[in-house]
Amino acid sequence: MARITIRIDDALCERLQRRARKVGISVAELLRPAIDQAADPRGGYVYTTQDEILSCVIQTLSIVAASVRRRSPEALEQGMADAKALLEAKGLLGPEDQP
């Protein structure tokens, strides 16, 4: 198996290590799918599919949140708190978003 060595910022390295630990894999295992996708022979923009899916999910959740806000502001507040806790547990929040 070939080996690639790259230099990255210490803070980025720490974030990658923290994210990998949270999901129980090595940093190399975390990065391999992204590298594989970057080497896609079709040569397209690497993140197109994920960006399109993410934009649809965000739009859908925005509509749901607007509906819940009208019916029960308390339920929306609790749902947002629950979502933040889940995102934090998965290591998906940046330092600025953590308590």
PDB file of N, CA and C in Angstrom:
ATOM      1  N   MET A   1       0.862  -1.179   0.000  1.00  0.00           N
ATOM      2  CA  MET A   1       0.000   0.000   0.000  1.00  0.00           C
ATOM      3  C   MET A   1       0.900   1.232   0.000  1.00  0.00           C
ATOM      4  N   ALA A   2       0.574   2.200  -0.831  1.00  0.00           N
ATOM      5  CA  ALA A   2       1.348   3.441  -0.914  1.00  0.00           C
ATOM      6  C   ALA A   2       1.091   4.305   0.308  1.00  0.00           C
ATOM      7  N   ARG A   3       2.017   5.215   0.543  1.00  0.00           N
ATOM      8  CA  ARG A   3       1.906   6.112   1.695  1.00  0.00           C
ATOM      9  C   ARG A   3       2.027   7.545   1.188  1.00  0.00           C
ATOM     10  N   ILE A   4       1.179   8.427   1.700  1.00  0.00           N
ATOM     11  CA  ILE A   4       1.228   9.857   1.383  1.00  0.00           C
ATOM     12  C   ILE A   4       1.450  10.612   2.681  1.00  0.00           C
ATOM     13  N   THR A   5       2.358  11.565   2.651  1.00  0.00           N
ATOM     14  CA  THR A   5       2.620  12.392   3.824  1.00  0.00           C
ATOM     15  C   THR A   5       2.256  13.823   3.485  1.00  0.00           C
ATOM     16  N   ILE A   6       1.439  14.439   4.327  1.00  0.00           N
ATOM     17  CA  ILE A   6       1.072  15.845   4.133  1.00  0.00           C
ATOM     18  C   ILE A   6       1.257  16.583   5.454  1.00  0.00           C
ATOM     19  N   ARG A   7       1.445  17.878   5.353  1.00  0.00           N
ATOM     20  CA  ARG A   7       1.538  18.712   6.554  1.00  0.00           C
ATOM     21  C   ARG A   7       0.229  19.471   6.693  1.00  0.00           C
ATOM     22  N   ILE A   8      -0.302  19.460   7.918  1.00  0.00           N
ATOM     23  CA  ILE A   8      -1.525  20.210   8.197  1.00  0.00           C
ATOM     24  C   ILE A   8      -1.346  20.984   9.495  1.00  0.00           C
ATOM     25  N   ASP A   9      -2.172  21.963   9.667  1.00  0.00           N
ATOM     26  CA  ASP A   9      -2.169  22.788  10.867  1.00  0.00           C
ATOM     27  C   ASP A   9      -2.436  21.910  12.101  1.00  0.00           C
ATOM     28  N   ASP A  10      -1.781  22.220  13.212  1.00  0.00           N
ATOM     29  CA  ASP A  10      -1.961  21.437  14.445  1.00  0.00           C
ATOM     30  C   ASP A  10      -3.418  21.388  14.895  1.00  0.00           C
ATOM     31  N   ALA A  11      -4.111  22.511  14.777  1.00  0.00           N
ATOM     32  CA  ALA A  11      -5.519  22.554  15.203  1.00  0.00           C
ATOM     33  C   ALA A  11      -6.376  21.638  14.340  1.00  0.00           C
ATOM     34  N   LEU A  12      -6.112  21.613  13.039  1.00  0.00           N
ATOM     35  CA  LEU A  12      -6.848  20.727  12.144  1.00  0.00           C
ATOM     36  C   LEU A  12      -6.549  19.272  12.492  1.00  0.00           C
ATOM     37  N   CYS A  13      -5.296  18.967  12.770  1.00  0.00           N
ATOM     38  CA  CYS A  13      -4.918  17.607  13.153  1.00  0.00           C
ATOM     39  C   CYS A  13      -5.662  17.173  14.416  1.00  0.00           C
ATOM     40  N   GLU A  14      -5.738  18.048  15.391  1.00  0.00           N
ATOM     41  CA  GLU A  14      -6.447  17.730  16.638  1.00  0.00           C
ATOM     42  C   GLU A  14      -7.922  17.487  16.374  1.00  0.00           C
ATOM     43  N   ARG A  15      -8.520  18.304  15.506  1.00  0.00           N
ATOM     44  CA  ARG A  15      -9.945  18.117  15.196  1.00  0.00           C
ATOM     45  C   ARG A  15     -10.166  16.786  14.482  1.00  0.00           C
ATOM     46  N   LEU A  16      -9.271  16.434  13.559  1.00  0.00           N
ATOM     47  CA  LEU A  16      -9.393  15.154  12.871  1.00  0.00           C
ATOM     48  C   LEU A  16      -9.236  13.983  13.844  1.00  0.00           C
ATOM     49  N   GLN A  17      -8.273  14.089  14.738  1.00  0.00           N
ATOM     50  CA  GLN A  17      -8.069  13.025  15.722  1.00  0.00           C
ATOM     51  C   GLN A  17      -9.281  12.887  16.640  1.00  0.00           C
ATOM     52  N   ARG A  18      -9.834  14.016  17.070  1.00  0.00           N
ATOM     53  CA  ARG A  18     -11.016  13.985  17.939  1.00  0.00           C
ATOM     54  C   ARG A  18     -12.202  13.353  17.209  1.00  0.00           C
ATOM     55  N   ARG A  19     -12.400  13.738  15.950  1.00  0.00           N
ATOM     56  CA  ARG A  19     -13.511  13.199  15.165  1.00  0.00           C
ATOM     57  C   ARG A  19     -13.334  11.697  14.957  1.00  0.00           C
ATOM     58  N   ALA A  20     -12.126  11.271  14.623  1.00  0.00           N
ATOM     59  CA  ALA A  20     -11.868   9.848  14.408  1.00  0.00           C
ATOM     60  C   ALA A  20     -12.097   9.052  15.688  1.00  0.00           C
ATOM     61  N   ARG A  21     -11.620   9.584  16.822  1.00  0.00           N
ATOM     62  CA  ARG A  21     -11.822   8.900  18.111  1.00  0.00           C
ATOM     63  C   ARG A  21     -13.306   8.732  18.409  1.00  0.00           C
ATOM     64  N   LYS A  22     -14.092   9.766  18.135  1.00  0.00           N
ATOM     65  CA  LYS A  22     -15.527   9.707  18.450  1.00  0.00           C
ATOM     66  C   LYS A  22     -16.235   8.613  17.687  1.00  0.00           C
ATOM     67  N   VAL A  23     -15.767   8.317  16.462  1.00  0.00           N
ATOM     68  CA  VAL A  23     -16.416   7.271  15.677  1.00  0.00           C
ATOM     69  C   VAL A  23     -15.647   5.952  15.717  1.00  0.00           C
ATOM     70  N   GLY A  24     -14.551   5.912  16.488  1.00  0.00           N
ATOM     71  CA  GLY A  24     -13.829   4.671  16.723  1.00  0.00           C
ATOM     72  C   GLY A  24     -12.981   4.180  15.564  1.00  0.00           C
ATOM     73  N   ILE A  25     -12.411   5.115  14.792  1.00  0.00           N
ATOM     74  CA  ILE A  25     -11.547   4.724  13.687  1.00  0.00           C
ATOM     75  C   ILE A  25     -10.269   5.563  13.720  1.00  0.00           C
ATOM     76  N   SER A  26      -9.296   5.199  12.895  1.00  0.00           N
ATOM     77  CA  SER A  26      -8.061   5.979  12.813  1.00  0.00           C
ATOM     78  C   SER A  26      -8.282   7.195  11.912  1.00  0.00           C
ATOM     79  N   VAL A  27      -7.375   8.149  12.001  1.00  0.00           N
ATOM     80  CA  VAL A  27      -7.457   9.332  11.136  1.00  0.00           C
ATOM     81  C   VAL A  27      -7.336   8.897   9.673  1.00  0.00           C
ATOM     82  N   ALA A  28      -6.465   7.937   9.397  1.00  0.00           N
ATOM     83  CA  ALA A  28      -6.307   7.441   8.028  1.00  0.00           C
ATOM     84  C   ALA A  28      -7.627   6.876   7.497  1.00  0.00           C
ATOM     85  N   GLU A  29      -8.323   6.099   8.333  1.00  0.00           N
ATOM     86  CA  GLU A  29      -9.611   5.532   7.918  1.00  0.00           C
ATOM     87  C   GLU A  29     -10.641   6.634   7.694  1.00  0.00           C
ATOM     88  N   LEU A  30     -10.563   7.672   8.489  1.00  0.00           N
ATOM     89  CA  LEU A  30     -11.479   8.806   8.346  1.00  0.00           C
ATOM     90  C   LEU A  30     -11.252   9.529   7.020  1.00  0.00           C
ATOM     91  N   LEU A  31      -9.983   9.675   6.630  1.00  0.00           N
ATOM     92  CA  LEU A  31      -9.638  10.460   5.447  1.00  0.00           C
ATOM     93  C   LEU A  31      -9.673   9.677   4.138  1.00  0.00           C
ATOM     94  N   ARG A  32      -9.526   8.357   4.177  1.00  0.00           N
ATOM     95  CA  ARG A  32      -9.475   7.577   2.934  1.00  0.00           C
ATOM     96  C   ARG A  32     -10.666   7.804   2.016  1.00  0.00           C
ATOM     97  N   PRO A  33     -11.911   7.811   2.498  1.00  0.00           N
ATOM     98  CA  PRO A  33     -13.033   8.053   1.580  1.00  0.00           C
ATOM     99  C   PRO A  33     -12.960   9.427   0.897  1.00  0.00           C
ATOM    100  N   ALA A  34     -12.520  10.447   1.616  1.00  0.00           N
ATOM    101  CA  ALA A  34     -12.413  11.780   1.016  1.00  0.00           C
ATOM    102  C   ALA A  34     -11.328  11.798  -0.054  1.00  0.00           C
ATOM    103  N   ILE A  35     -10.221  11.129   0.209  1.00  0.00           N
ATOM    104  CA  ILE A  35      -9.141  11.070  -0.773  1.00  0.00           C
ATOM    105  C   ILE A  35      -9.589  10.265  -1.993  1.00  0.00           C
ATOM    106  N   ASP A  36     -10.273   9.161  -1.757  1.00  0.00           N
ATOM    107  CA  ASP A  36     -10.783   8.349  -2.855  1.00  0.00           C
ATOM    108  C   ASP A  36     -11.729   9.165  -3.728  1.00  0.00           C
ATOM    109  N   GLN A  37     -12.589   9.923  -3.097  1.00  0.00           N
ATOM    110  CA  GLN A  37     -13.545  10.740  -3.845  1.00  0.00           C
ATOM    111  C   GLN A  37     -12.830  11.853  -4.615  1.00  0.00           C
ATOM    112  N   ALA A  38     -11.781  12.429  -4.034  1.00  0.00           N
ATOM    113  CA  ALA A  38     -11.021  13.480  -4.709  1.00  0.00           C
ATOM    114  C   ALA A  38     -10.327  12.947  -5.960  1.00  0.00           C
ATOM    115  N   ALA A  39     -10.028  11.645  -5.980  1.00  0.00           N
ATOM    116  CA  ALA A  39      -9.360  11.030  -7.124  1.00  0.00           C
ATOM    117  C   ALA A  39     -10.359  10.433  -8.116  1.00  0.00           C
ATOM    118  N   ASP A  40     -11.612  10.789  -8.009  1.00  0.00           N
ATOM    119  CA  ASP A  40     -12.653  10.268  -8.897  1.00  0.00           C
ATOM    120  C   ASP A  40     -12.263  10.508 -10.356  1.00  0.00           C
ATOM    121  N   PRO A  41     -12.205   9.466 -11.171  1.00  0.00           N
ATOM    122  CA  PRO A  41     -11.778   9.631 -12.564  1.00  0.00           C
ATOM    123  C   PRO A  41     -12.722  10.492 -13.397  1.00  0.00           C
ATOM    124  N   ARG A  42     -13.939  10.674 -12.943  1.00  0.00           N
ATOM    125  CA  ARG A  42     -14.866  11.533 -13.694  1.00  0.00           C
ATOM    126  C   ARG A  42     -14.445  12.988 -13.609  1.00  0.00           C
ATOM    127  N   GLY A  43     -13.593  13.313 -12.617  1.00  0.00           N
ATOM    128  CA  GLY A  43     -13.012  14.651 -12.532  1.00  0.00           C
ATOM    129  C   GLY A  43     -13.973  15.744 -12.138  1.00  0.00           C
ATOM    130  N   GLY A  44     -15.119  15.395 -11.623  1.00  0.00           N
ATOM    131  CA  GLY A  44     -16.091  16.404 -11.230  1.00  0.00           C
ATOM    132  C   GLY A  44     -15.740  17.051  -9.903  1.00  0.00           C
ATOM    133  N   TYR A  45     -16.543  18.026  -9.545  1.00  0.00           N
ATOM    134  CA  TYR A  45     -16.383  18.701  -8.260  1.00  0.00           C
ATOM    135  C   TYR A  45     -16.621  17.676  -7.168  1.00  0.00           C
ATOM    136  N   VAL A  46     -15.700  17.541  -6.252  1.00  0.00           N
ATOM    137  CA  VAL A  46     -15.702  16.475  -5.262  1.00  0.00           C
ATOM    138  C   VAL A  46     -16.953  16.458  -4.401  1.00  0.00           C
ATOM    139  N   TYR A  47     -17.468  17.592  -4.016  1.00  0.00           N
ATOM    140  CA  TYR A  47     -18.537  17.632  -3.022  1.00  0.00           C
ATOM    141  C   TYR A  47     -19.924  17.866  -3.603  1.00  0.00           C
ATOM    142  N   THR A  48     -20.098  17.791  -4.901  1.00  0.00           N
ATOM    143  CA  THR A  48     -21.381  18.108  -5.521  1.00  0.00           C
ATOM    144  C   THR A  48     -22.525  17.296  -4.936  1.00  0.00           C
ATOM    145  N   THR A  49     -22.404  15.987  -4.916  1.00  0.00           N
ATOM    146  CA  THR A  49     -23.499  15.145  -4.450  1.00  0.00           C
ATOM    147  C   THR A  49     -23.853  15.448  -3.010  1.00  0.00           C
ATOM    148  N   GLN A  50     -22.862  15.540  -2.144  1.00  0.00           N
ATOM    149  CA  GLN A  50     -23.137  15.807  -0.744  1.00  0.00           C
ATOM    150  C   GLN A  50     -23.746  17.195  -0.560  1.00  0.00           C
ATOM    151  N   ASP A  51     -23.255  18.183  -1.307  1.00  0.00           N
ATOM    152  CA  ASP A  51     -23.796  19.536  -1.191  1.00  0.00           C
ATOM    153  C   ASP A  51     -25.260  19.577  -1.602  1.00  0.00           C
ATOM    154  N   GLU A  52     -25.607  18.863  -2.670  1.00  0.00           N
ATOM    155  CA  GLU A  52     -26.993  18.843  -3.131  1.00  0.00           C
ATOM    156  C   GLU A  52     -27.898  18.165  -2.100  1.00  0.00           C
ATOM    157  N   ILE A  53     -27.443  17.063  -1.555  1.00  0.00           N
ATOM    158  CA  ILE A  53     -28.229  16.368  -0.530  1.00  0.00           C
ATOM    159  C   ILE A  53     -28.361  17.249   0.705  1.00  0.00           C
ATOM    160  N   LEU A  54     -27.252  17.842   1.129  1.00  0.00           N
ATOM    161  CA  LEU A  54     -27.274  18.706   2.302  1.00  0.00           C
ATOM    162  C   LEU A  54     -28.223  19.878   2.096  1.00  0.00           C
ATOM    163  N   SER A  55     -28.216  20.492   0.927  1.00  0.00           N
ATOM    164  CA  SER A  55     -29.108  21.633   0.699  1.00  0.00           C
ATOM    165  C   SER A  55     -30.571  21.213   0.764  1.00  0.00           C
ATOM    166  N   CYS A  56     -30.894  20.021   0.241  1.00  0.00           N
ATOM    167  CA  CYS A  56     -32.279  19.522   0.328  1.00  0.00           C
ATOM    168  C   CYS A  56     -32.677  19.255   1.768  1.00  0.00           C
ATOM    169  N   VAL A  57     -31.773  18.656   2.529  1.00  0.00           N
ATOM    170  CA  VAL A  57     -32.055  18.364   3.936  1.00  0.00           C
ATOM    171  C   VAL A  57     -32.257  19.667   4.714  1.00  0.00           C
ATOM    172  N   ILE A  58     -31.398  20.651   4.484  1.00  0.00           N
ATOM    173  CA  ILE A  58     -31.524  21.931   5.185  1.00  0.00           C
ATOM    174  C   ILE A  58     -32.846  22.600   4.844  1.00  0.00           C
ATOM    175  N   GLN A  59     -33.228  22.596   3.572  1.00  0.00           N
ATOM    176  CA  GLN A  59     -34.498  23.204   3.178  1.00  0.00           C
ATOM    177  C   GLN A  59     -35.672  22.494   3.849  1.00  0.00           C
ATOM    178  N   THR A  60     -35.646  21.173   3.839  1.00  0.00           N
ATOM    179  CA  THR A  60     -36.729  20.393   4.446  1.00  0.00           C
ATOM    180  C   THR A  60     -36.822  20.668   5.945  1.00  0.00           C
ATOM    181  N   LEU A  61     -35.680  20.646   6.625  1.00  0.00           N
ATOM    182  CA  LEU A  61     -35.689  20.889   8.067  1.00  0.00           C
ATOM    183  C   LEU A  61     -36.104  22.323   8.393  1.00  0.00           C
ATOM    184  N   SER A  62     -35.778  23.253   7.533  1.00  0.00           N
ATOM    185  CA  SER A  62     -36.207  24.642   7.757  1.00  0.00           C
ATOM    186  C   SER A  62     -37.722  24.762   7.693  1.00  0.00           C
ATOM    187  N   ILE A  63     -38.329  24.064   6.751  1.00  0.00           N
ATOM    188  CA  ILE A  63     -39.793  24.072   6.633  1.00  0.00           C
ATOM    189  C   ILE A  63     -40.422  23.431   7.867  1.00  0.00           C
ATOM    190  N   VAL A  64     -39.882  22.293   8.287  1.00  0.00           N
ATOM    191  CA  VAL A  64     -40.398  21.613   9.484  1.00  0.00           C
ATOM    192  C   VAL A  64     -40.239  22.510  10.712  1.00  0.00           C
ATOM    193  N   ALA A  65     -39.068  23.137  10.867  1.00  0.00           N
ATOM    194  CA  ALA A  65     -38.829  24.011  12.025  1.00  0.00           C
ATOM    195  C   ALA A  65     -39.799  25.186  12.035  1.00  0.00           C
ATOM    196  N   ALA A  66     -40.072  25.767  10.869  1.00  0.00           N
ATOM    197  CA  ALA A  66     -41.010  26.886  10.801  1.00  0.00           C
ATOM    198  C   ALA A  66     -42.404  26.440  11.230  1.00  0.00           C
ATOM    199  N   SER A  67     -42.801  25.240  10.811  1.00  0.00           N
ATOM    200  CA  SER A  67     -44.110  24.711  11.188  1.00  0.00           C
ATOM    201  C   SER A  67     -44.180  24.449  12.694  1.00  0.00           C
ATOM    202  N   VAL A  68     -43.137  23.828  13.245  1.00  0.00           N
ATOM    203  CA  VAL A  68     -43.110  23.533  14.680  1.00  0.00           C
ATOM    204  C   VAL A  68     -43.086  24.826  15.484  1.00  0.00           C
ATOM    205  N   ARG A  69     -42.334  25.830  15.028  1.00  0.00           N
ATOM    206  CA  ARG A  69     -42.245  27.109  15.738  1.00  0.00           C
ATOM    207  C   ARG A  69     -43.627  27.740  15.887  1.00  0.00           C
ATOM    208  N   ARG A  70     -44.441  27.650  14.839  1.00  0.00           N
ATOM    209  CA  ARG A  70     -45.797  28.230  14.912  1.00  0.00           C
ATOM    210  C   ARG A  70     -46.681  27.470  15.898  1.00  0.00           C
ATOM    211  N   ARG A  71     -46.516  26.161  15.927  1.00  0.00           N
ATOM    212  CA  ARG A  71     -47.378  25.339  16.776  1.00  0.00           C
ATOM    213  C   ARG A  71     -46.910  25.301  18.228  1.00  0.00           C
ATOM    214  N   SER A  72     -45.591  25.205  18.430  1.00  0.00           N
ATOM    215  CA  SER A  72     -45.069  25.054  19.786  1.00  0.00           C
ATOM    216  C   SER A  72     -43.627  25.539  19.858  1.00  0.00           C
ATOM    217  N   PRO A  73     -43.427  26.798  20.218  1.00  0.00           N
ATOM    218  CA  PRO A  73     -42.069  27.306  20.340  1.00  0.00           C
ATOM    219  C   PRO A  73     -41.228  26.490  21.331  1.00  0.00           C
ATOM    220  N   GLU A  74     -41.867  25.952  22.373  1.00  0.00           N
ATOM    221  CA  GLU A  74     -41.148  25.155  23.361  1.00  0.00           C
ATOM    222  C   GLU A  74     -40.627  23.860  22.745  1.00  0.00           C
ATOM    223  N   ALA A  75     -41.438  23.230  21.884  1.00  0.00           N
ATOM    224  CA  ALA A  75     -41.006  21.992  21.232  1.00  0.00           C
ATOM    225  C   ALA A  75     -39.822  22.265  20.298  1.00  0.00           C
ATOM    226  N   LEU A  76     -39.855  23.404  19.609  1.00  0.00           N
ATOM    227  CA  LEU A  76     -38.737  23.767  18.741  1.00  0.00           C
ATOM    228  C   LEU A  76     -37.469  23.986  19.557  1.00  0.00           C
ATOM    229  N   GLU A  77     -37.591  24.686  20.671  1.00  0.00           N
ATOM    230  CA  GLU A  77     -36.438  24.948  21.530  1.00  0.00           C
ATOM    231  C   GLU A  77     -35.843  23.642  22.056  1.00  0.00           C
ATOM    232  N   GLN A  78     -36.697  22.716  22.491  1.00  0.00           N
ATOM    233  CA  GLN A  78     -36.219  21.429  22.988  1.00  0.00           C
ATOM    234  C   GLN A  78     -35.574  20.621  21.873  1.00  0.00           C
ATOM    235  N   GLY A  79     -36.190  20.632  20.695  1.00  0.00           N
ATOM    236  CA  GLY A  79     -35.630  19.905  19.559  1.00  0.00           C
ATOM    237  C   GLY A  79     -34.262  20.427  19.157  1.00  0.00           C
ATOM    238  N   MET A  80     -34.087  21.738  19.185  1.00  0.00           N
ATOM    239  CA  MET A  80     -32.797  22.331  18.843  1.00  0.00           C
ATOM    240  C   MET A  80     -31.743  21.950  19.883  1.00  0.00           C
ATOM    241  N   ALA A  81     -32.130  21.935  21.154  1.00  0.00           N
ATOM    242  CA  ALA A  81     -31.200  21.539  22.217  1.00  0.00           C
ATOM    243  C   ALA A  81     -30.808  20.070  22.055  1.00  0.00           C
ATOM    244  N   ASP A  82     -31.783  19.221  21.740  1.00  0.00           N
ATOM    245  CA  ASP A  82     -31.498  17.797  21.528  1.00  0.00           C
ATOM    246  C   ASP A  82     -30.574  17.609  20.329  1.00  0.00           C
ATOM    247  N   ALA A  83     -30.835  18.331  19.254  1.00  0.00           N
ATOM    248  CA  ALA A  83     -30.005  18.225  18.057  1.00  0.00           C
ATOM    249  C   ALA A  83     -28.572  18.661  18.353  1.00  0.00           C
ATOM    250  N   LYS A  84     -28.421  19.743  19.096  1.00  0.00           N
ATOM    251  CA  LYS A  84     -27.078  20.223  19.439  1.00  0.00           C
ATOM    252  C   LYS A  84     -26.335  19.181  20.271  1.00  0.00           C
ATOM    253  N   ALA A  85     -27.024  18.538  21.204  1.00  0.00           N
ATOM    254  CA  ALA A  85     -26.396  17.506  22.029  1.00  0.00           C
ATOM    255  C   ALA A  85     -25.954  16.316  21.172  1.00  0.00           C
ATOM    256  N   LEU A  86     -26.786  15.919  20.213  1.00  0.00           N
ATOM    257  CA  LEU A  86     -26.427  14.811  19.325  1.00  0.00           C
ATOM    258  C   LEU A  86     -25.237  15.177  18.441  1.00  0.00           C
ATOM    259  N   LEU A  87     -25.238  16.394  17.900  1.00  0.00           N
ATOM    260  CA  LEU A  87     -24.126  16.843  17.063  1.00  0.00           C
ATOM    261  C   LEU A  87     -22.830  16.907  17.869  1.00  0.00           C
ATOM    262  N   GLU A  88     -22.931  17.377  19.091  1.00  0.00           N
ATOM    263  CA  GLU A  88     -21.750  17.462  19.959  1.00  0.00           C
ATOM    264  C   GLU A  88     -21.213  16.067  20.265  1.00  0.00           C
ATOM    265  N   ALA A  89     -22.111  15.124  20.550  1.00  0.00           N
ATOM    266  CA  ALA A  89     -21.688  13.758  20.861  1.00  0.00           C
ATOM    267  C   ALA A  89     -20.982  13.096  19.679  1.00  0.00           C
ATOM    268  N   LYS A  90     -21.349  13.474  18.452  1.00  0.00           N
ATOM    269  CA  LYS A  90     -20.730  12.911  17.253  1.00  0.00           C
ATOM    270  C   LYS A  90     -19.499  13.695  16.815  1.00  0.00           C
ATOM    271  N   GLY A  91     -19.170  14.773  17.529  1.00  0.00           N
ATOM    272  CA  GLY A  91     -18.001  15.566  17.164  1.00  0.00           C
ATOM    273  C   GLY A  91     -18.220  16.452  15.962  1.00  0.00           C
ATOM    274  N   LEU A  92     -19.471  16.817  15.710  1.00  0.00           N
ATOM    275  CA  LEU A  92     -19.804  17.598  14.526  1.00  0.00           C
ATOM    276  C   LEU A  92     -19.971  19.089  14.790  1.00  0.00           C
ATOM    277  N   LEU A  93     -19.659  19.536  15.992  1.00  0.00           N
ATOM    278  CA  LEU A  93     -19.730  20.958  16.307  1.00  0.00           C
ATOM    279  C   LEU A  93     -18.322  21.501  16.419  1.00  0.00           C
ATOM    280  N   GLY A  94     -18.136  22.696  15.889  1.00  0.00           N
ATOM    281  CA  GLY A  94     -16.848  23.373  16.050  1.00  0.00           C
ATOM    282  C   GLY A  94     -16.699  23.911  17.457  1.00  0.00           C
ATOM    283  N   PRO A  95     -15.491  24.286  17.845  1.00  0.00           N
ATOM    284  CA  PRO A  95     -15.258  24.802  19.200  1.00  0.00           C
ATOM    285  C   PRO A  95     -16.139  26.000  19.534  1.00  0.00           C
ATOM    286  N   GLU A  96     -16.430  26.825  18.527  1.00  0.00           N
ATOM    287  CA  GLU A  96     -17.255  28.006  18.766  1.00  0.00           C
ATOM    288  C   GLU A  96     -18.720  27.664  19.057  1.00  0.00           C
ATOM    289  N   ASP A  97     -19.149  26.439  18.699  1.00  0.00           N
ATOM    290  CA  ASP A  97     -20.533  26.022  18.925  1.00  0.00           C
ATOM    291  C   ASP A  97     -20.718  25.204  20.190  1.00  0.00           C
ATOM    292  N   GLN A  98     -19.616  24.853  20.840  1.00  0.00           N
ATOM    293  CA  GLN A  98     -19.707  24.013  22.035  1.00  0.00           C
ATOM    294  C   GLN A  98     -19.816  24.879  23.279  1.00  0.00           C
ATOM    295  N   PRO A  99     -20.504  24.337  24.305  1.00  0.00           N
ATOM    296  CA  PRO A  99     -20.680  25.119  25.550  1.00  0.00           C
ATOM    297  C   PRO A  99     -19.380  25.318  26.285  1.00  0.00           C
TER     298      PRO A  99
END
